[in-house]
Amino acid sequence: MQSDGCEIDPWQARWLPYCGEFLRARMPALGSGKSSRTESRTTMFFLWPEYLWFLLALALLPAVYVWLLKRRRRAALNYSSVGMVREAAAGRQWRRHLPPALLLLACSGLLIAAARPVARVPLPWARSSIMLAMDVSLSMRVTDVKPNRMVAAQEAAKLFLRDLPKEIEVGLVTFAGSSQVAQRATLDRASVVAAIDGFQMQMGTAVGNAIVLCLVALFPEQGIELGDMNFGSKPQGRSLDDKAKPPPPAFTPVAPGSYNSAAIILLSDGRRTTGVDTLAAAKMAADRGIRIYVVGLGTVEGDASTPDGTAIYMRLDEPTLREVARMTGGEYHHAGTAEKLRSVYENLGSRVQVLTRETELAGVLALISALVALAAATLSLLWFGRIA
């Protein structure tokens, strides 16, 4: 994926992947599929491979064709007719051999189609989405990660977009004391970059709210209501004009990490101070099979300072963030420097893939073969006035 709006300063050029092994063997690719054949490295196989043996017999046809040409040429030379000699001479031209070659190609395609080939192909109509949940609390001004946590996070996210496959949709959720969907999942990388550049910092940290909002964006049909979770599902009163909300649709939990069409990448530099409980939100993601890959940014001990030199205390809640990753089948990594932060996002971008599915190609291959055979017959009629 290209993120044309992202430029690298000289200090960023020193960013080298210090944690290249992170997720290299752990993060499963999006859309890896569930069947045993899809999990294998075989990209194509045949349901009826025994039909491929007929290709050996088809290989004899060129030899038969050459023998027939030689026999016809000898018979033509026994006549004194100039027309027959011209016809024999015409047999040496490339046009004379093109229709039979196309017919042989069509027969080969039909035999392969009869073997029912199946391949893993990308599905352009199937959505694969990544939701970026990024902390925009005031502590992101701290300069322990150069030039500061916010700028380092923005640049790393834009580099991540540059390396991501273009078929993957990306959405953005920002969170501090409140959370909001800054950009719905889209293929338009410029829109996501603009949303990243437009961060506005606030007080507070609502990590759980960010996770829930990502789920709302990924599963709009499930009727998840963040407001009900924040303020209780039973309001004390409502206007007579308000209509009662319909109950949410029935939901059946699935195995953690089993949903292969989406993932959440969560970046935070602190601990929850408001909103939905972080582990309760992680449980919701786990029940929907969504993996959460967590990046803890900044100082673990909590001692840091703002650009104006004011000392602050903001301890990174690593135990909770690690538990979020464990519950959902994701991964946790601490990025204490800009180099490590960039490396984390770089590895995440290289691991995701486009959703694929096993698709039988027999029908498409048979259609192409029929068209090739029709082209061979048409050329023979146009050039020689007969199908030969």
Protein backbone atom coordinates (compact mmCIF):
# COMPACT_ATOMS: atom_id res chain seq x y z
CA MET A 1 0.00 0.00 0.00
CA GLN A 2 1.20 3.41 -0.74
CA SER A 3 0.88 6.32 1.61
CA ASP A 4 2.13 9.13 -0.58
CA GLY A 5 1.72 11.71 2.15
CA CYS A 6 4.39 10.08 4.34
CA GLU A 7 7.95 11.48 4.15
CA ILE A 8 10.91 10.30 6.14
CA ASP A 9 13.19 12.80 7.88
CA PRO A 10 16.91 12.07 8.39
CA TRP A 11 16.31 11.04 12.01
CA GLN A 12 13.69 8.59 10.84
CA ALA A 13 16.15 7.11 8.33
CA ARG A 14 18.02 5.60 11.27
CA TRP A 15 14.99 3.55 12.20
CA LEU A 16 16.04 -0.07 11.77
CA PRO A 17 13.93 -3.07 12.73
CA TYR A 18 15.17 -3.91 16.24
CA CYS A 19 12.41 -6.41 16.82
CA GLY A 20 12.14 -8.09 13.44
CA GLU A 21 11.20 -11.40 14.99
CA PHE A 22 8.04 -9.89 16.52
CA LEU A 23 4.98 -11.56 15.03
CA ARG A 24 7.06 -13.15 12.29
CA ALA A 25 6.04 -16.60 13.42
CA ARG A 26 3.07 -15.66 15.55
CA MET A 27 0.64 -13.43 13.66
CA PRO A 28 -1.54 -15.51 11.30
CA ALA A 29 -2.39 -13.83 8.01
CA LEU A 30 -5.83 -12.38 7.54
CA GLY A 31 -7.99 -14.58 5.35
CA SER A 32 -5.78 -17.62 5.75
CA GLY A 33 -8.82 -19.84 5.40
CA LYS A 34 -10.12 -22.71 7.51
CA SER A 35 -9.87 -25.83 5.37
CA SER A 36 -6.87 -28.10 5.42
CA ARG A 37 -6.21 -27.59 1.74
CA THR A 38 -6.17 -23.82 2.14
CA GLU A 39 -3.75 -24.04 5.04
CA SER A 40 -1.31 -25.99 2.92
CA ARG A 41 1.15 -24.27 0.64
CA THR A 42 -0.39 -25.80 -2.49
CA THR A 43 -1.90 -23.04 -4.60
CA MET A 44 -3.63 -25.39 -7.09
CA PHE A 45 -4.81 -28.98 -7.12
CA PHE A 46 -7.15 -31.20 -9.18
CA LEU A 47 -10.29 -32.94 -8.01
CA TRP A 48 -10.08 -35.55 -10.81
CA PRO A 49 -6.32 -35.75 -11.56
CA GLU A 50 -6.65 -39.05 -13.44
CA TYR A 51 -7.91 -37.14 -16.47
CA LEU A 52 -4.49 -35.53 -16.84
CA TRP A 53 -3.15 -38.83 -18.22
CA PHE A 54 -5.00 -38.09 -21.46
CA LEU A 55 -2.54 -35.25 -22.07
CA LEU A 56 0.04 -37.91 -22.94
CA ALA A 57 -2.15 -39.09 -25.82
CA LEU A 58 -2.68 -35.49 -26.87
CA ALA A 59 1.09 -35.10 -27.20
CA LEU A 60 0.99 -37.54 -30.14
CA LEU A 61 -1.23 -35.27 -32.23
CA PRO A 62 1.59 -32.95 -33.43
CA ALA A 63 3.47 -35.98 -34.78
CA VAL A 64 0.32 -37.18 -36.58
CA TYR A 65 -0.19 -33.70 -38.00
CA VAL A 66 3.37 -33.54 -39.41
CA TRP A 67 2.95 -37.01 -40.95
CA LEU A 68 -0.30 -35.97 -42.66
CA LEU A 69 1.34 -32.82 -44.05
CA LYS A 70 4.20 -34.82 -45.60
CA ARG A 71 1.81 -37.36 -47.09
CA ARG A 72 -0.40 -34.65 -48.58
CA ARG A 73 2.61 -32.83 -50.02
CA ARG A 74 3.82 -35.99 -51.82
CA ALA A 75 0.35 -36.64 -53.24
CA ALA A 76 0.08 -33.07 -54.50
CA LEU A 77 3.37 -33.27 -56.40
CA ASN A 78 2.06 -36.23 -58.51
CA TYR A 79 -0.33 -33.81 -60.30
CA SER A 80 0.73 -31.35 -62.96
CA SER A 81 -1.85 -28.84 -61.85
CA VAL A 82 -0.23 -25.52 -60.95
CA GLY A 83 -3.02 -24.89 -58.43
CA MET A 84 -2.17 -28.03 -56.51
CA VAL A 85 1.50 -27.04 -56.44
CA ARG A 86 0.58 -23.62 -55.14
CA GLU A 87 -1.57 -25.25 -52.48
CA ALA A 88 1.33 -27.47 -51.44
CA ALA A 89 3.59 -24.43 -51.28
CA ALA A 90 1.01 -22.57 -49.24
CA GLY A 91 1.23 -25.31 -46.64
CA ARG A 92 4.70 -24.00 -45.75
CA GLN A 93 3.31 -20.64 -44.60
CA TRP A 94 2.71 -19.94 -40.90
CA ARG A 95 -1.00 -19.33 -41.51
CA ARG A 96 -1.37 -22.94 -42.56
CA HIS A 97 -0.28 -24.14 -39.11
CA LEU A 98 -1.94 -21.60 -36.84
CA PRO A 99 -5.52 -23.05 -36.83
CA PRO A 100 -4.31 -26.59 -35.98
CA ALA A 101 -2.07 -25.18 -33.23
CA LEU A 102 -5.01 -23.29 -31.73
CA LEU A 103 -7.14 -26.43 -31.92
CA LEU A 104 -4.45 -28.41 -30.08
CA LEU A 105 -4.32 -25.71 -27.42
CA ALA A 106 -8.10 -25.83 -27.04
CA CYS A 107 -8.07 -29.60 -26.62
CA SER A 108 -5.38 -29.32 -23.95
CA GLY A 109 -7.44 -26.74 -22.07
CA LEU A 110 -10.55 -28.95 -22.21
CA LEU A 111 -8.65 -31.93 -20.83
CA ILE A 112 -7.27 -29.84 -17.97
CA ALA A 113 -10.78 -28.51 -17.32
CA ALA A 114 -12.05 -32.09 -17.16
CA ALA A 115 -9.59 -32.71 -14.32
CA ARG A 116 -11.42 -29.95 -12.37
CA PRO A 117 -8.59 -27.64 -11.24
CA VAL A 118 -9.09 -25.76 -7.97
CA ALA A 119 -6.99 -22.73 -7.03
CA ARG A 120 -6.77 -20.28 -4.16
CA VAL A 121 -7.73 -16.93 -5.64
CA PRO A 122 -8.26 -13.52 -4.01
CA LEU A 123 -11.87 -12.48 -3.54
CA PRO A 124 -12.34 -8.84 -4.53
CA TRP A 125 -15.84 -8.83 -3.06
CA ALA A 126 -14.78 -10.12 0.36
CA ARG A 127 -13.87 -7.43 2.90
CA SER A 128 -10.63 -7.69 4.85
CA SER A 129 -10.34 -4.87 7.37
CA ILE A 130 -7.87 -3.56 9.91
CA MET A 131 -8.96 -1.08 12.56
CA LEU A 132 -6.22 1.14 13.99
CA ALA A 133 -7.06 2.27 17.55
CA MET A 134 -4.65 5.03 18.57
CA ASP A 135 -4.23 6.84 21.88
CA VAL A 136 -4.48 10.67 21.61
CA SER A 137 -4.32 11.48 25.33
CA LEU A 138 -2.22 14.43 26.54
CA SER A 139 0.56 12.09 27.65
CA MET A 140 1.36 11.49 23.97
CA ARG A 141 3.22 14.84 24.08
CA VAL A 142 6.00 13.24 26.12
CA THR A 143 9.42 13.27 24.41
CA ASP A 144 10.88 9.98 25.67
CA VAL A 145 10.12 8.67 22.17
CA LYS A 146 11.67 11.15 19.75
CA PRO A 147 10.54 13.67 18.63
CA ASN A 148 7.53 12.84 20.83
CA ARG A 149 5.16 9.91 21.27
CA MET A 150 2.43 11.41 19.08
CA VAL A 151 4.63 12.22 16.08
CA ALA A 152 6.39 8.86 16.29
CA ALA A 153 3.02 7.07 16.38
CA GLN A 154 1.72 9.07 13.42
CA GLU A 155 4.77 8.40 11.26
CA ALA A 156 4.83 4.70 12.14
CA ALA A 157 1.12 4.37 11.27
CA LYS A 158 1.64 6.05 7.89
CA LEU A 159 4.55 3.76 7.10
CA PHE A 160 2.31 0.84 8.02
CA LEU A 161 -0.27 2.04 5.48
CA ARG A 162 2.43 2.28 2.83
CA ASP A 163 3.38 -1.39 3.18
CA LEU A 164 -0.13 -2.79 3.62
CA PRO A 165 -1.70 -4.69 0.67
CA LYS A 166 -3.98 -2.31 -1.19
CA GLU A 167 -6.94 -4.71 -1.00
CA ILE A 168 -7.10 -4.37 2.82
CA GLU A 169 -9.53 -1.78 4.16
CA VAL A 170 -8.23 0.37 7.01
CA GLY A 171 -10.25 2.30 9.58
CA LEU A 172 -9.11 4.59 12.39
CA VAL A 173 -10.43 5.03 15.94
CA THR A 174 -8.92 7.65 18.25
CA PHE A 175 -9.37 7.59 22.01
CA ALA A 176 -8.57 9.69 25.06
CA GLY A 177 -11.29 10.60 27.58
CA SER A 178 -13.75 9.78 24.80
CA SER A 179 -13.50 7.71 21.65
CA GLN A 180 -14.53 8.37 18.09
CA VAL A 181 -14.30 6.79 14.65
CA ALA A 182 -11.96 9.20 12.88
CA GLN A 183 -12.18 7.26 9.61
CA ARG A 184 -14.41 4.35 8.67
CA ALA A 185 -12.75 1.35 7.03
CA THR A 186 -11.82 2.33 3.50
CA LEU A 187 -9.41 1.53 0.68
CA ASP A 188 -8.62 5.24 0.31
CA ARG A 189 -5.24 5.56 2.01
CA ALA A 190 -5.19 9.36 1.58
CA SER A 191 -8.29 9.69 3.76
CA VAL A 192 -6.72 7.60 6.52
CA VAL A 193 -3.47 9.61 6.35
CA ALA A 194 -5.46 12.86 6.60
CA ALA A 195 -7.25 11.52 9.68
CA ILE A 196 -3.92 10.55 11.25
CA ASP A 197 -2.49 14.02 10.60
CA GLY A 198 -5.57 15.61 12.18
CA PHE A 199 -5.20 14.13 15.68
CA GLN A 200 -6.46 16.34 18.53
CA MET A 201 -5.16 15.44 22.00
CA GLN A 202 -7.50 15.27 25.00
CA MET A 203 -7.42 14.31 28.67
CA GLY A 204 -8.16 10.78 29.87
CA THR A 205 -7.69 7.29 28.44
CA ALA A 206 -10.68 5.10 27.50
CA VAL A 207 -9.00 1.98 26.09
CA GLY A 208 -12.10 -0.19 26.43
CA ASN A 209 -14.24 2.33 24.54
CA ALA A 210 -11.80 2.21 21.62
CA ILE A 211 -12.04 -1.57 21.38
CA VAL A 212 -15.84 -1.46 21.47
CA LEU A 213 -15.96 1.24 18.77
CA CYS A 214 -13.74 -0.92 16.54
CA LEU A 215 -16.21 -3.79 16.99
CA VAL A 216 -19.10 -1.45 16.16
CA ALA A 217 -17.35 -0.53 12.90
CA LEU A 218 -16.54 -4.15 12.03
CA PHE A 219 -19.96 -5.61 12.97
CA PRO A 220 -22.59 -2.90 12.35
CA GLU A 221 -25.31 -5.53 12.01
CA GLN A 222 -24.89 -6.69 15.61
CA GLY A 223 -26.33 -3.53 17.14
CA ILE A 224 -23.54 -2.95 19.67
CA GLU A 225 -24.30 0.21 21.68
CA LEU A 226 -21.33 1.87 23.37
CA GLY A 227 -23.61 4.32 25.19
CA ASP A 228 -25.48 1.52 26.93
CA MET A 229 -22.19 0.05 28.13
CA ASN A 230 -20.98 3.39 29.48
CA PHE A 231 -24.16 4.46 31.23
CA GLY A 232 -26.01 1.19 31.84
CA SER A 233 -28.40 -0.77 29.65
CA LYS A 234 -31.48 0.30 31.65
CA PRO A 235 -31.99 4.07 31.49
CA GLN A 236 -33.87 5.59 34.41
CA GLY A 237 -36.32 7.42 32.19
CA ARG A 238 -37.02 8.46 28.62
CA SER A 239 -39.30 10.78 26.74
CA LEU A 240 -42.74 9.54 25.74
CA ASP A 241 -41.79 10.36 22.15
CA ASP A 242 -38.80 8.03 22.24
CA LYS A 243 -39.32 4.65 20.68
CA ALA A 244 -38.06 1.58 22.48
CA LYS A 245 -34.92 0.14 20.88
CA PRO A 246 -35.32 -3.30 19.34
CA PRO A 247 -33.38 -6.02 21.13
CA PRO A 248 -29.99 -6.81 19.59
CA PRO A 249 -29.86 -9.83 17.29
CA ALA A 250 -28.90 -13.18 18.74
CA PHE A 251 -25.16 -13.63 19.01
CA THR A 252 -23.22 -16.90 19.26
CA PRO A 253 -19.63 -16.60 20.53
CA VAL A 254 -16.89 -18.12 18.42
CA ALA A 255 -13.36 -19.26 19.24
CA PRO A 256 -10.88 -16.43 19.96
CA GLY A 257 -8.88 -15.47 16.89
CA SER A 258 -11.08 -17.48 14.51
CA TYR A 259 -12.38 -14.50 12.49
CA ASN A 260 -9.88 -14.15 9.67
CA SER A 261 -11.30 -11.14 7.84
CA ALA A 262 -10.39 -8.41 10.34
CA ALA A 263 -8.02 -7.44 13.15
CA ILE A 264 -7.49 -4.56 15.55
CA ILE A 265 -4.14 -2.87 16.17
CA LEU A 266 -4.28 -0.99 19.47
CA LEU A 267 -1.65 1.58 20.51
CA SER A 268 -1.65 3.12 23.98
CA ASP A 269 0.90 4.78 26.29
CA GLY A 270 -0.98 4.60 29.58
CA ARG A 271 -3.75 2.92 31.55
CA ARG A 272 -7.53 3.15 31.43
CA THR A 273 -8.90 6.08 33.39
CA THR A 274 -12.52 6.10 32.17
CA GLY A 275 -15.05 4.26 30.04
CA VAL A 276 -15.69 0.57 29.51
CA ASP A 277 -13.48 -1.89 31.36
CA THR A 278 -10.60 -2.86 29.08
CA LEU A 279 -10.83 -6.60 29.71
CA ALA A 280 -14.61 -6.60 29.27
CA ALA A 281 -14.12 -5.01 25.85
CA ALA A 282 -11.40 -7.55 25.06
CA LYS A 283 -13.84 -10.35 25.97
CA MET A 284 -16.31 -8.93 23.42
CA ALA A 285 -13.60 -9.01 20.75
CA ALA A 286 -12.55 -12.55 21.71
CA ASP A 287 -16.16 -13.78 21.49
CA ARG A 288 -16.29 -12.44 17.92
CA GLY A 289 -12.99 -14.05 16.92
CA ILE A 290 -11.21 -10.70 16.49
CA ARG A 291 -7.50 -10.63 17.26
CA ILE A 292 -6.11 -7.52 18.97
CA TYR A 293 -2.44 -6.72 18.43
CA VAL A 294 -1.38 -4.36 21.19
CA VAL A 295 1.52 -1.89 21.10
CA GLY A 296 2.54 -0.39 24.43
CA LEU A 297 4.34 2.90 23.80
CA GLY A 298 6.66 4.84 26.08
CA THR A 299 8.06 4.43 29.58
CA VAL A 300 7.04 1.37 31.58
CA GLU A 301 8.20 2.87 34.89
CA GLY A 302 6.05 5.94 34.39
CA ASP A 303 8.63 8.76 34.79
CA ALA A 304 8.48 11.15 31.84
CA SER A 305 8.30 14.83 31.01
CA THR A 306 6.42 17.07 28.57
CA PRO A 307 8.18 19.25 25.96
CA ASP A 308 8.13 22.24 28.35
CA GLY A 309 9.97 20.21 31.00
CA THR A 310 7.00 19.51 33.27
CA ALA A 311 7.42 16.16 35.02
CA ILE A 312 4.46 13.78 34.80
CA TYR A 313 3.76 10.28 36.00
CA MET A 314 2.06 7.94 33.55
CA ARG A 315 2.71 4.24 34.08
CA LEU A 316 2.03 1.94 31.14
CA ASP A 317 -0.48 -0.72 32.22
CA GLU A 318 1.43 -3.60 30.65
CA PRO A 319 -0.31 -6.44 32.53
CA THR A 320 -3.74 -5.40 31.23
CA LEU A 321 -2.49 -4.81 27.68
CA ARG A 322 -0.77 -8.20 27.65
CA GLU A 323 -3.98 -9.82 28.85
CA VAL A 324 -5.95 -8.14 26.05
CA ALA A 325 -3.59 -9.67 23.50
CA ARG A 326 -3.68 -13.08 25.18
CA MET A 327 -7.48 -13.22 25.46
CA THR A 328 -7.99 -12.41 21.78
CA GLY A 329 -5.18 -14.52 20.32
CA GLY A 330 -3.15 -11.46 19.34
CA GLU A 331 0.28 -10.24 20.43
CA TYR A 332 1.68 -7.60 22.76
CA HIS A 333 4.88 -5.68 22.22
CA HIS A 334 6.44 -2.77 24.07
CA ALA A 335 7.89 -0.06 21.84
CA GLY A 336 10.08 2.14 24.00
CA THR A 337 11.71 3.92 21.07
CA ALA A 338 10.66 5.28 17.69
CA GLU A 339 12.78 2.63 15.98
CA LYS A 340 10.98 -0.22 17.71
CA LEU A 341 7.58 1.35 17.10
CA ARG A 342 8.25 1.58 13.38
CA SER A 343 9.53 -2.00 13.35
CA VAL A 344 6.34 -3.27 14.99
CA TYR A 345 4.09 -1.62 12.43
CA GLU A 346 6.41 -2.73 9.62
CA ASN A 347 6.11 -6.37 10.65
CA LEU A 348 2.34 -6.13 11.04
CA GLY A 349 2.00 -4.78 7.51
CA SER A 350 4.11 -7.56 6.01
CA ARG A 351 2.07 -10.34 7.64
CA VAL A 352 -1.46 -9.52 6.53
CA GLN A 353 -2.81 -10.89 3.27
CA VAL A 354 -5.89 -10.64 1.13
CA LEU A 355 -8.76 -13.00 1.87
CA THR A 356 -8.62 -16.00 -0.48
CA ARG A 357 -10.87 -18.94 -1.14
CA GLU A 358 -10.65 -22.23 -3.01
CA THR A 359 -12.39 -21.75 -6.36
CA GLU A 360 -12.93 -24.36 -9.07
CA LEU A 361 -11.62 -23.11 -12.42
CA ALA A 362 -13.06 -25.83 -14.68
CA GLY A 363 -15.88 -23.67 -16.04
CA VAL A 364 -13.64 -20.71 -16.84
CA LEU A 365 -11.00 -22.92 -18.44
CA ALA A 366 -13.60 -24.77 -20.56
CA LEU A 367 -15.05 -21.46 -21.79
CA ILE A 368 -11.62 -20.17 -22.79
CA SER A 369 -10.85 -23.43 -24.59
CA ALA A 370 -14.14 -23.25 -26.50
CA LEU A 371 -13.34 -19.70 -27.59
CA VAL A 372 -9.88 -20.77 -28.78
CA ALA A 373 -11.41 -23.63 -30.79
CA LEU A 374 -13.94 -21.23 -32.32
CA ALA A 375 -11.10 -18.87 -33.28
CA ALA A 376 -9.24 -21.75 -34.96
CA ALA A 377 -12.31 -22.68 -37.03
CA THR A 378 -12.96 -19.05 -37.99
CA LEU A 379 -9.39 -18.46 -39.18
CA SER A 380 -9.42 -21.68 -41.20
CA LEU A 381 -12.63 -20.62 -42.97
CA LEU A 382 -11.33 -17.10 -43.66
CA TRP A 383 -7.93 -18.17 -44.99
CA PHE A 384 -8.68 -21.47 -46.72
CA GLY A 385 -12.44 -21.53 -47.22
CA ARG A 386 -12.80 -24.73 -45.20
CA ILE A 387 -12.15 -26.12 -41.72
CA ALA A 388 -8.93 -28.03 -42.15
